[in-house]
């Protein structure tokens, strides 16, 4: 289907955000605790942590993942990106209605 890739990517983003939320609430927290807390396989948690680290939001420590000081600014950027996405989804919705 036309939207299958978009749906798949959105589901992955949701997973990354769930991991980030757990890190924010429980930091420092390791992969095993995150996996248990989120009922998510360790390999998925590990991947999400890697993406969040590469995005400059979290940092691994000997005690587990923690949000970097500058990570909070990046979280605010995510919030503004969500607004852009909402606008795009509204455009898609309008175009689909016209079909």
PDB file of N, CA and C in Angstrom:
ATOM      1  N   UNK A   1       0.839  -1.190   0.000  1.00  0.00           N
ATOM      2  CA  UNK A   1       0.000   0.000   0.000  1.00  0.00           C
ATOM      3  C   UNK A   1       0.878   1.245   0.000  1.00  0.00           C
ATOM      4  N   UNK A   2       0.318   2.328  -0.355  1.00  0.00           N
ATOM      5  CA  UNK A   2       1.036   3.589  -0.474  1.00  0.00           C
ATOM      6  C   UNK A   2       1.624   4.041   0.868  1.00  0.00           C
ATOM      7  N   UNK A   3       0.914   3.783   1.941  1.00  0.00           N
ATOM      8  CA  UNK A   3       1.327   4.284   3.243  1.00  0.00           C
ATOM      9  C   UNK A   3       2.092   3.268   4.091  1.00  0.00           C
ATOM     10  N   UNK A   4       2.366   2.097   3.586  1.00  0.00           N
ATOM     11  CA  UNK A   4       2.958   1.044   4.420  1.00  0.00           C
ATOM     12  C   UNK A   4       4.320   1.443   4.989  1.00  0.00           C
ATOM     13  N   UNK A   5       5.158   2.076   4.202  1.00  0.00           N
ATOM     14  CA  UNK A   5       6.481   2.508   4.686  1.00  0.00           C
ATOM     15  C   UNK A   5       6.330   3.591   5.756  1.00  0.00           C
ATOM     16  N   UNK A   6       5.421   4.518   5.533  1.00  0.00           N
ATOM     17  CA  UNK A   6       5.167   5.586   6.495  1.00  0.00           C
ATOM     18  C   UNK A   6       4.655   5.021   7.816  1.00  0.00           C
ATOM     19  N   UNK A   7       3.754   4.056   7.747  1.00  0.00           N
ATOM     20  CA  UNK A   7       3.224   3.424   8.952  1.00  0.00           C
ATOM     21  C   UNK A   7       4.342   2.716   9.712  1.00  0.00           C
ATOM     22  N   UNK A   8       5.161   1.977   8.985  1.00  0.00           N
ATOM     23  CA  UNK A   8       6.273   1.249   9.603  1.00  0.00           C
ATOM     24  C   UNK A   8       7.232   2.208  10.301  1.00  0.00           C
ATOM     25  N   UNK A   9       7.588   3.287   9.656  1.00  0.00           N
ATOM     26  CA  UNK A   9       8.497   4.268  10.242  1.00  0.00           C
ATOM     27  C   UNK A   9       7.872   4.941  11.455  1.00  0.00           C
ATOM     28  N   UNK A  10       6.576   5.237  11.394  1.00  0.00           N
ATOM     29  CA  UNK A  10       5.898   5.862  12.528  1.00  0.00           C
ATOM     30  C   UNK A  10       5.904   4.935  13.744  1.00  0.00           C
ATOM     31  N   UNK A  11       5.729   3.640  13.507  1.00  0.00           N
ATOM     32  CA  UNK A  11       5.766   2.672  14.610  1.00  0.00           C
ATOM     33  C   UNK A  11       7.148   2.616  15.251  1.00  0.00           C
ATOM     34  N   UNK A  12       8.188   2.727  14.447  1.00  0.00           N
ATOM     35  CA  UNK A  12       9.553   2.745  14.976  1.00  0.00           C
ATOM     36  C   UNK A  12       9.796   4.013  15.789  1.00  0.00           C
ATOM     37  N   UNK A  13       9.316   5.139  15.298  1.00  0.00           N
ATOM     38  CA  UNK A  13       9.460   6.406  16.031  1.00  0.00           C
ATOM     39  C   UNK A  13       8.745   6.315  17.377  1.00  0.00           C
ATOM     40  N   UNK A  14       7.570   5.707  17.392  1.00  0.00           N
ATOM     41  CA  UNK A  14       6.837   5.536  18.654  1.00  0.00           C
ATOM     42  C   UNK A  14       7.679   4.723  19.636  1.00  0.00           C
ATOM     43  N   UNK A  15       8.309   3.668  19.142  1.00  0.00           N
ATOM     44  CA  UNK A  15       9.166   2.851  20.007  1.00  0.00           C
ATOM     45  C   UNK A  15      10.323   3.679  20.564  1.00  0.00           C
ATOM     46  N   UNK A  16      10.978   4.464  19.711  1.00  0.00           N
ATOM     47  CA  UNK A  16      12.073   5.314  20.176  1.00  0.00           C
ATOM     48  C   UNK A  16      11.591   6.285  21.252  1.00  0.00           C
ATOM     49  N   UNK A  17      10.415   6.843  21.058  1.00  0.00           N
ATOM     50  CA  UNK A  17       9.876   7.799  22.026  1.00  0.00           C
ATOM     51  C   UNK A  17       9.492   7.119  23.331  1.00  0.00           C
ATOM     52  N   UNK A  18       9.000   5.893  23.263  1.00  0.00           N
ATOM     53  CA  UNK A  18       8.697   5.148  24.490  1.00  0.00           C
ATOM     54  C   UNK A  18       9.977   4.881  25.279  1.00  0.00           C
ATOM     55  N   UNK A  19      11.038   4.530  24.572  1.00  0.00           N
ATOM     56  CA  UNK A  19      12.327   4.301  25.233  1.00  0.00           C
ATOM     57  C   UNK A  19      12.819   5.612  25.844  1.00  0.00           C
ATOM     58  N   UNK A  20      12.733   6.699  25.095  1.00  0.00           N
ATOM     59  CA  UNK A  20      13.166   8.000  25.610  1.00  0.00           C
ATOM     60  C   UNK A  20      12.372   8.395  26.847  1.00  0.00           C
ATOM     61  N   UNK A  21      11.073   8.192  26.824  1.00  0.00           N
ATOM     62  CA  UNK A  21      10.240   8.529  27.979  1.00  0.00           C
ATOM     63  C   UNK A  21      10.681   7.736  29.206  1.00  0.00           C
ATOM     64  N   UNK A  22      10.960   6.458  29.017  1.00  0.00           N
ATOM     65  CA  UNK A  22      11.411   5.622  30.131  1.00  0.00           C
ATOM     66  C   UNK A  22      12.768   6.091  30.656  1.00  0.00           C
ATOM     67  N   UNK A  23      13.655   6.470  29.763  1.00  0.00           N
ATOM     68  CA  UNK A  23      14.964   6.977  30.191  1.00  0.00           C
ATOM     69  C   UNK A  23      14.776   8.262  30.991  1.00  0.00           C
ATOM     70  N   UNK A  24      13.928   9.155  30.498  1.00  0.00           N
ATOM     71  CA  UNK A  24      13.663  10.405  31.222  1.00  0.00           C
ATOM     72  C   UNK A  24      13.158  10.130  32.639  1.00  0.00           C
ATOM     73  N   UNK A  25      12.279   9.145  32.783  1.00  0.00           N
ATOM     74  CA  UNK A  25      11.658   8.875  34.071  1.00  0.00           C
ATOM     75  C   UNK A  25      12.547   8.074  35.017  1.00  0.00           C
ATOM     76  N   UNK A  26      13.405   7.197  34.480  1.00  0.00           N
ATOM     77  CA  UNK A  26      14.128   6.236  35.322  1.00  0.00           C
ATOM     78  C   UNK A  26      15.650   6.363  35.265  1.00  0.00           C
ATOM     79  N   UNK A  27      16.160   7.376  34.603  1.00  0.00           N
ATOM     80  CA  UNK A  27      17.606   7.467  34.385  1.00  0.00           C
ATOM     81  C   UNK A  27      18.410   7.500  35.670  1.00  0.00           C
ATOM     82  N   UNK A  28      19.569   6.921  35.659  1.00  0.00           N
ATOM     83  CA  UNK A  28      20.137   6.109  34.575  1.00  0.00           C
ATOM     84  C   UNK A  28      19.491   4.725  34.552  1.00  0.00           C
ATOM     85  N   UNK A  29      19.329   4.193  33.355  1.00  0.00           N
ATOM     86  CA  UNK A  29      18.670   2.890  33.205  1.00  0.00           C
ATOM     87  C   UNK A  29      19.333   2.113  32.076  1.00  0.00           C
ATOM     88  N   UNK A  30      19.508   0.834  32.299  1.00  0.00           N
ATOM     89  CA  UNK A  30      20.169  -0.030  31.328  1.00  0.00           C
ATOM     90  C   UNK A  30      19.195  -0.768  30.421  1.00  0.00           C
ATOM     91  N   UNK A  31      19.752  -1.461  29.468  1.00  0.00           N
ATOM     92  CA  UNK A  31      18.971  -2.178  28.458  1.00  0.00           C
ATOM     93  C   UNK A  31      18.059  -3.230  29.095  1.00  0.00           C
ATOM     94  N   UNK A  32      18.577  -3.999  30.034  1.00  0.00           N
ATOM     95  CA  UNK A  32      17.783  -5.076  30.629  1.00  0.00           C
ATOM     96  C   UNK A  32      16.571  -4.527  31.380  1.00  0.00           C
ATOM     97  N   UNK A  33      16.779  -3.466  32.155  1.00  0.00           N
ATOM     98  CA  UNK A  33      15.657  -2.863  32.886  1.00  0.00           C
ATOM     99  C   UNK A  33      14.651  -2.232  31.918  1.00  0.00           C
ATOM    100  N   UNK A  34      15.155  -1.561  30.892  1.00  0.00           N
ATOM    101  CA  UNK A  34      14.266  -0.972  29.891  1.00  0.00           C
ATOM    102  C   UNK A  34      13.448  -2.054  29.200  1.00  0.00           C
ATOM    103  N   UNK A  35      14.099  -3.135  28.843  1.00  0.00           N
ATOM    104  CA  UNK A  35      13.418  -4.238  28.179  1.00  0.00           C
ATOM    105  C   UNK A  35      12.294  -4.790  29.044  1.00  0.00           C
ATOM    106  N   UNK A  36      12.566  -4.990  30.312  1.00  0.00           N
ATOM    107  CA  UNK A  36      11.540  -5.490  31.230  1.00  0.00           C
ATOM    108  C   UNK A  36      10.424  -4.469  31.432  1.00  0.00           C
ATOM    109  N   UNK A  37      10.815  -3.223  31.660  1.00  0.00           N
ATOM    110  CA  UNK A  37       9.848  -2.156  31.918  1.00  0.00           C
ATOM    111  C   UNK A  37       8.894  -1.954  30.741  1.00  0.00           C
ATOM    112  N   UNK A  38       9.447  -1.981  29.523  1.00  0.00           N
ATOM    113  CA  UNK A  38       8.656  -1.701  28.321  1.00  0.00           C
ATOM    114  C   UNK A  38       8.101  -2.962  27.668  1.00  0.00           C
ATOM    115  N   UNK A  39       8.462  -4.127  28.228  1.00  0.00           N
ATOM    116  CA  UNK A  39       8.051  -5.399  27.628  1.00  0.00           C
ATOM    117  C   UNK A  39       8.435  -5.430  26.141  1.00  0.00           C
ATOM    118  N   UNK A  40       9.697  -5.126  25.897  1.00  0.00           N
ATOM    119  CA  UNK A  40      10.226  -4.993  24.546  1.00  0.00           C
ATOM    120  C   UNK A  40      11.509  -5.822  24.450  1.00  0.00           C
ATOM    121  N   UNK A  41      11.736  -6.483  23.323  1.00  0.00           N
ATOM    122  CA  UNK A  41      12.979  -7.260  23.183  1.00  0.00           C
ATOM    123  C   UNK A  41      14.215  -6.369  23.340  1.00  0.00           C
ATOM    124  N   UNK A  42      15.260  -6.946  23.915  1.00  0.00           N
ATOM    125  CA  UNK A  42      16.494  -6.191  24.171  1.00  0.00           C
ATOM    126  C   UNK A  42      17.093  -5.607  22.902  1.00  0.00           C
ATOM    127  N   UNK A  43      17.025  -6.357  21.789  1.00  0.00           N
ATOM    128  CA  UNK A  43      17.624  -5.849  20.547  1.00  0.00           C
ATOM    129  C   UNK A  43      16.896  -4.594  20.051  1.00  0.00           C
ATOM    130  N   UNK A  44      15.603  -4.507  20.305  1.00  0.00           N
ATOM    131  CA  UNK A  44      14.868  -3.295  19.901  1.00  0.00           C
ATOM    132  C   UNK A  44      15.210  -2.120  20.809  1.00  0.00           C
ATOM    133  N   UNK A  45      15.320  -2.396  22.094  1.00  0.00           N
ATOM    134  CA  UNK A  45      15.723  -1.351  23.047  1.00  0.00           C
ATOM    135  C   UNK A  45      17.113  -0.836  22.682  1.00  0.00           C
ATOM    136  N   UNK A  46      18.025  -1.761  22.418  1.00  0.00           N
ATOM    137  CA  UNK A  46      19.403  -1.397  22.060  1.00  0.00           C
ATOM    138  C   UNK A  46      19.418  -0.502  20.813  1.00  0.00           C
ATOM    139  N   UNK A  47      18.626  -0.873  19.804  1.00  0.00           N
ATOM    140  CA  UNK A  47      18.572  -0.072  18.577  1.00  0.00           C
ATOM    141  C   UNK A  47      18.022   1.326  18.867  1.00  0.00           C
ATOM    142  N   UNK A  48      16.944   1.398  19.642  1.00  0.00           N
ATOM    143  CA  UNK A  48      16.367   2.706  19.969  1.00  0.00           C
ATOM    144  C   UNK A  48      17.352   3.564  20.744  1.00  0.00           C
ATOM    145  N   UNK A  49      18.068   2.959  21.688  1.00  0.00           N
ATOM    146  CA  UNK A  49      19.080   3.712  22.433  1.00  0.00           C
ATOM    147  C   UNK A  49      20.175   4.226  21.512  1.00  0.00           C
ATOM    148  N   UNK A  50      20.573   3.407  20.550  1.00  0.00           N
ATOM    149  CA  UNK A  50      21.605   3.823  19.599  1.00  0.00           C
ATOM    150  C   UNK A  50      21.121   5.017  18.767  1.00  0.00           C
ATOM    151  N   UNK A  51      19.878   4.950  18.305  1.00  0.00           N
ATOM    152  CA  UNK A  51      19.321   6.063  17.523  1.00  0.00           C
ATOM    153  C   UNK A  51      19.256   7.335  18.370  1.00  0.00           C
ATOM    154  N   UNK A  52      18.807   7.207  19.609  1.00  0.00           N
ATOM    155  CA  UNK A  52      18.720   8.367  20.495  1.00  0.00           C
ATOM    156  C   UNK A  52      20.096   8.936  20.818  1.00  0.00           C
ATOM    157  N   UNK A  53      21.075   8.043  20.954  1.00  0.00           N
ATOM    158  CA  UNK A  53      22.445   8.505  21.197  1.00  0.00           C
ATOM    159  C   UNK A  53      22.995   9.231  19.973  1.00  0.00           C
ATOM    160  N   UNK A  54      22.790   8.661  18.799  1.00  0.00           N
ATOM    161  CA  UNK A  54      23.279   9.293  17.571  1.00  0.00           C
ATOM    162  C   UNK A  54      22.577  10.617  17.302  1.00  0.00           C
ATOM    163  N   UNK A  55      21.373  10.764  17.829  1.00  0.00           N
ATOM    164  CA  UNK A  55      20.630  12.020  17.676  1.00  0.00           C
ATOM    165  C   UNK A  55      21.069  13.076  18.682  1.00  0.00           C
ATOM    166  N   UNK A  56      21.962  12.692  19.597  1.00  0.00           N
ATOM    167  CA  UNK A  56      22.470  13.640  20.578  1.00  0.00           C
ATOM    168  C   UNK A  56      21.546  13.874  21.754  1.00  0.00           C
ATOM    169  N   UNK A  57      20.603  12.936  21.979  1.00  0.00           N
ATOM    170  CA  UNK A  57      19.641  13.122  23.054  1.00  0.00           C
ATOM    171  C   UNK A  57      20.098  12.432  24.333  1.00  0.00           C
ATOM    172  N   UNK A  58      20.632  11.237  24.212  1.00  0.00           N
ATOM    173  CA  UNK A  58      21.063  10.499  25.394  1.00  0.00           C
ATOM    174  C   UNK A  58      22.548  10.181  25.312  1.00  0.00           C
ATOM    175  N   UNK A  59      23.065   9.739  26.442  1.00  0.00           N
ATOM    176  CA  UNK A  59      24.466   9.334  26.520  1.00  0.00           C
ATOM    177  C   UNK A  59      24.520   8.051  27.351  1.00  0.00           C
ATOM    178  N   UNK A  60      25.319   7.075  26.899  1.00  0.00           N
ATOM    179  CA  UNK A  60      25.481   5.882  27.731  1.00  0.00           C
ATOM    180  C   UNK A  60      26.465   6.175  28.861  1.00  0.00           C
ATOM    181  N   UNK A  61      26.175   5.660  30.036  1.00  0.00           N
ATOM    182  CA  UNK A  61      27.096   5.774  31.164  1.00  0.00           C
ATOM    183  C   UNK A  61      27.297   4.374  31.739  1.00  0.00           C
ATOM    184  N   UNK A  62      28.202   4.247  32.682  1.00  0.00           N
ATOM    185  CA  UNK A  62      28.429   2.939  33.290  1.00  0.00           C
ATOM    186  C   UNK A  62      27.215   2.473  34.090  1.00  0.00           C
ATOM    187  N   UNK A  63      26.316   3.399  34.410  1.00  0.00           N
ATOM    188  CA  UNK A  63      25.113   3.068  35.178  1.00  0.00           C
ATOM    189  C   UNK A  63      23.884   2.864  34.298  1.00  0.00           C
ATOM    190  N   UNK A  64      23.978   3.244  33.033  1.00  0.00           N
ATOM    191  CA  UNK A  64      22.859   3.131  32.099  1.00  0.00           C
ATOM    192  C   UNK A  64      22.693   4.420  31.310  1.00  0.00           C
ATOM    193  N   UNK A  65      21.680   4.428  30.482  1.00  0.00           N
ATOM    194  CA  UNK A  65      21.424   5.590  29.618  1.00  0.00           C
ATOM    195  C   UNK A  65      20.889   6.763  30.426  1.00  0.00           C
ATOM    196  N   UNK A  66      21.355   7.964  30.020  1.00  0.00           N
ATOM    197  CA  UNK A  66      20.891   9.207  30.632  1.00  0.00           C
ATOM    198  C   UNK A  66      20.688  10.248  29.542  1.00  0.00           C
ATOM    199  N   UNK A  67      19.776  11.171  29.787  1.00  0.00           N
ATOM    200  CA  UNK A  67      19.566  12.280  28.859  1.00  0.00           C
ATOM    201  C   UNK A  67      20.707  13.270  29.041  1.00  0.00           C
ATOM    202  N   UNK A  68      21.311  13.671  27.920  1.00  0.00           N
ATOM    203  CA  UNK A  68      22.378  14.677  27.958  1.00  0.00           C
ATOM    204  C   UNK A  68      21.767  16.035  28.308  1.00  0.00           C
ATOM    205  N   UNK A  69      22.569  16.926  28.839  1.00  0.00           N
ATOM    206  CA  UNK A  69      22.072  18.273  29.136  1.00  0.00           C
ATOM    207  C   UNK A  69      21.471  18.910  27.889  1.00  0.00           C
ATOM    208  N   UNK A  70      22.187  18.795  26.770  1.00  0.00           N
ATOM    209  CA  UNK A  70      21.683  19.380  25.523  1.00  0.00           C
ATOM    210  C   UNK A  70      20.569  18.534  24.906  1.00  0.00           C
ATOM    211  N   UNK A  71      20.350  17.349  25.452  1.00  0.00           N
ATOM    212  CA  UNK A  71      19.277  16.486  24.967  1.00  0.00           C
ATOM    213  C   UNK A  71      17.902  17.087  25.183  1.00  0.00           C
ATOM    214  N   UNK A  72      17.769  17.886  26.234  1.00  0.00           N
ATOM    215  CA  UNK A  72      16.482  18.517  26.508  1.00  0.00           C
ATOM    216  C   UNK A  72      16.121  19.525  25.415  1.00  0.00           C
ATOM    217  N   UNK A  73      17.119  20.215  24.870  1.00  0.00           N
ATOM    218  CA  UNK A  73      16.869  21.114  23.736  1.00  0.00           C
ATOM    219  C   UNK A  73      16.438  20.314  22.510  1.00  0.00           C
ATOM    220  N   UNK A  74      17.058  19.169  22.318  1.00  0.00           N
ATOM    221  CA  UNK A  74      16.702  18.312  21.174  1.00  0.00           C
ATOM    222  C   UNK A  74      15.274  17.777  21.324  1.00  0.00           C
ATOM    223  N   UNK A  75      14.866  17.514  22.560  1.00  0.00           N
ATOM    224  CA  UNK A  75      13.489  17.071  22.797  1.00  0.00           C
ATOM    225  C   UNK A  75      12.516  18.181  22.410  1.00  0.00           C
ATOM    226  N   UNK A  76      12.860  19.425  22.713  1.00  0.00           N
ATOM    227  CA  UNK A  76      12.016  20.553  22.305  1.00  0.00           C
ATOM    228  C   UNK A  76      11.946  20.652  20.781  1.00  0.00           C
ATOM    229  N   UNK A  77      13.042  20.370  20.110  1.00  0.00           N
ATOM    230  CA  UNK A  77      13.038  20.349  18.638  1.00  0.00           C
ATOM    231  C   UNK A  77      12.096  19.264  18.121  1.00  0.00           C
ATOM    232  N   UNK A  78      12.093  18.120  18.794  1.00  0.00           N
ATOM    233  CA  UNK A  78      11.179  17.044  18.398  1.00  0.00           C
ATOM    234  C   UNK A  78       9.734  17.524  18.470  1.00  0.00           C
ATOM    235  N   UNK A  79       9.423  18.265  19.500  1.00  0.00           N
ATOM    236  CA  UNK A  79       8.057  18.766  19.662  1.00  0.00           C
ATOM    237  C   UNK A  79       7.664  19.684  18.509  1.00  0.00           C
ATOM    238  N   UNK A  80       8.592  20.521  18.059  1.00  0.00           N
ATOM    239  CA  UNK A  80       8.264  21.404  16.936  1.00  0.00           C
ATOM    240  C   UNK A  80       8.167  20.618  15.633  1.00  0.00           C
ATOM    241  N   UNK A  81       8.959  19.550  15.514  1.00  0.00           N
ATOM    242  CA  UNK A  81       8.865  18.705  14.316  1.00  0.00           C
ATOM    243  C   UNK A  81       7.521  17.995  14.258  1.00  0.00           C
ATOM    244  N   UNK A  82       6.972  17.652  15.416  1.00  0.00           N
ATOM    245  CA  UNK A  82       5.658  17.013  15.451  1.00  0.00           C
ATOM    246  C   UNK A  82       4.611  17.951  14.868  1.00  0.00           C
ATOM    247  N   UNK A  83       4.728  19.233  15.143  1.00  0.00           N
ATOM    248  CA  UNK A  83       3.783  20.203  14.583  1.00  0.00           C
ATOM    249  C   UNK A  83       3.866  20.223  13.054  1.00  0.00           C
ATOM    250  N   UNK A  84       5.054  20.146  12.522  1.00  0.00           N
ATOM    251  CA  UNK A  84       5.221  20.086  11.060  1.00  0.00           C
ATOM    252  C   UNK A  84       4.577  18.824  10.503  1.00  0.00           C
ATOM    253  N   UNK A  85       4.778  17.715  11.197  1.00  0.00           N
ATOM    254  CA  UNK A  85       4.214  16.440  10.755  1.00  0.00           C
ATOM    255  C   UNK A  85       2.689  16.497  10.776  1.00  0.00           C
ATOM    256  N   UNK A  86       2.131  17.111  11.811  1.00  0.00           N
ATOM    257  CA  UNK A  86       0.677  17.248  11.883  1.00  0.00           C
ATOM    258  C   UNK A  86       0.143  18.014  10.673  1.00  0.00           C
ATOM    259  N   UNK A  87       0.863  19.030  10.255  1.00  0.00           N
ATOM    260  CA  UNK A  87       0.450  19.783   9.074  1.00  0.00           C
ATOM    261  C   UNK A  87       0.499  18.941   7.816  1.00  0.00           C
ATOM    262  N   UNK A  88       1.537  18.141   7.690  1.00  0.00           N
ATOM    263  CA  UNK A  88       1.646  17.256   6.527  1.00  0.00           C
ATOM    264  C   UNK A  88       0.539  16.208   6.517  1.00  0.00           C
ATOM    265  N   UNK A  89       0.238  15.659   7.682  1.00  0.00           N
ATOM    266  CA  UNK A  89      -0.835  14.665   7.774  1.00  0.00           C
ATOM    267  C   UNK A  89      -2.174  15.305   7.408  1.00  0.00           C
ATOM    268  N   UNK A  90      -2.393  16.539   7.816  1.00  0.00           N
ATOM    269  CA  UNK A  90      -3.626  17.246   7.454  1.00  0.00           C
ATOM    270  C   UNK A  90      -3.720  17.417   5.939  1.00  0.00           C
ATOM    271  N   UNK A  91      -2.599  17.740   5.301  1.00  0.00           N
ATOM    272  CA  UNK A  91      -2.593  17.864   3.832  1.00  0.00           C
ATOM    273  C   UNK A  91      -2.906  16.530   3.171  1.00  0.00           C
ATOM    274  N   UNK A  92      -2.305  15.467   3.688  1.00  0.00           N
ATOM    275  CA  UNK A  92      -2.561  14.125   3.145  1.00  0.00           C
ATOM    276  C   UNK A  92      -4.039  13.787   3.291  1.00  0.00           C
ATOM    277  N   UNK A  93      -4.581  14.070   4.471  1.00  0.00           N
ATOM    278  CA  UNK A  93      -5.984  13.778   4.731  1.00  0.00           C
ATOM    279  C   UNK A  93      -6.898  14.511   3.745  1.00  0.00           C
ATOM    280  N   UNK A  94      -6.614  15.767   3.505  1.00  0.00           N
ATOM    281  CA  UNK A  94      -7.411  16.533   2.554  1.00  0.00           C
ATOM    282  C   UNK A  94      -7.309  15.969   1.136  1.00  0.00           C
ATOM    283  N   UNK A  95      -6.119  15.597   0.730  1.00  0.00           N
ATOM    284  CA  UNK A  95      -5.942  15.026  -0.606  1.00  0.00           C
ATOM    285  C   UNK A  95      -6.654  13.687  -0.741  1.00  0.00           C
ATOM    286  N   UNK A  96      -6.594  12.872   0.282  1.00  0.00           N
ATOM    287  CA  UNK A  96      -7.264  11.566   0.239  1.00  0.00           C
ATOM    288  C   UNK A  96      -8.783  11.747   0.173  1.00  0.00           C
ATOM    289  N   UNK A  97      -9.302  12.733   0.877  1.00  0.00           N
ATOM    290  CA  UNK A  97     -10.742  12.993   0.844  1.00  0.00           C
ATOM    291  C   UNK A  97     -11.225  13.331  -0.572  1.00  0.00           C
ATOM    292  N   UNK A  98     -10.353  13.946  -1.361  1.00  0.00           N
ATOM    293  CA  UNK A  98     -10.718  14.363  -2.706  1.00  0.00           C
ATOM    294  C   UNK A  98     -10.671  13.200  -3.711  1.00  0.00           C
ATOM    295  N   UNK A  99     -10.138  12.089  -3.309  1.00  0.00           N
ATOM    296  CA  UNK A  99     -10.025  10.948  -4.230  1.00  0.00           C
ATOM    297  C   UNK A  99     -11.363  10.277  -4.483  1.00  0.00           C
TER     298      UNK A  99
END
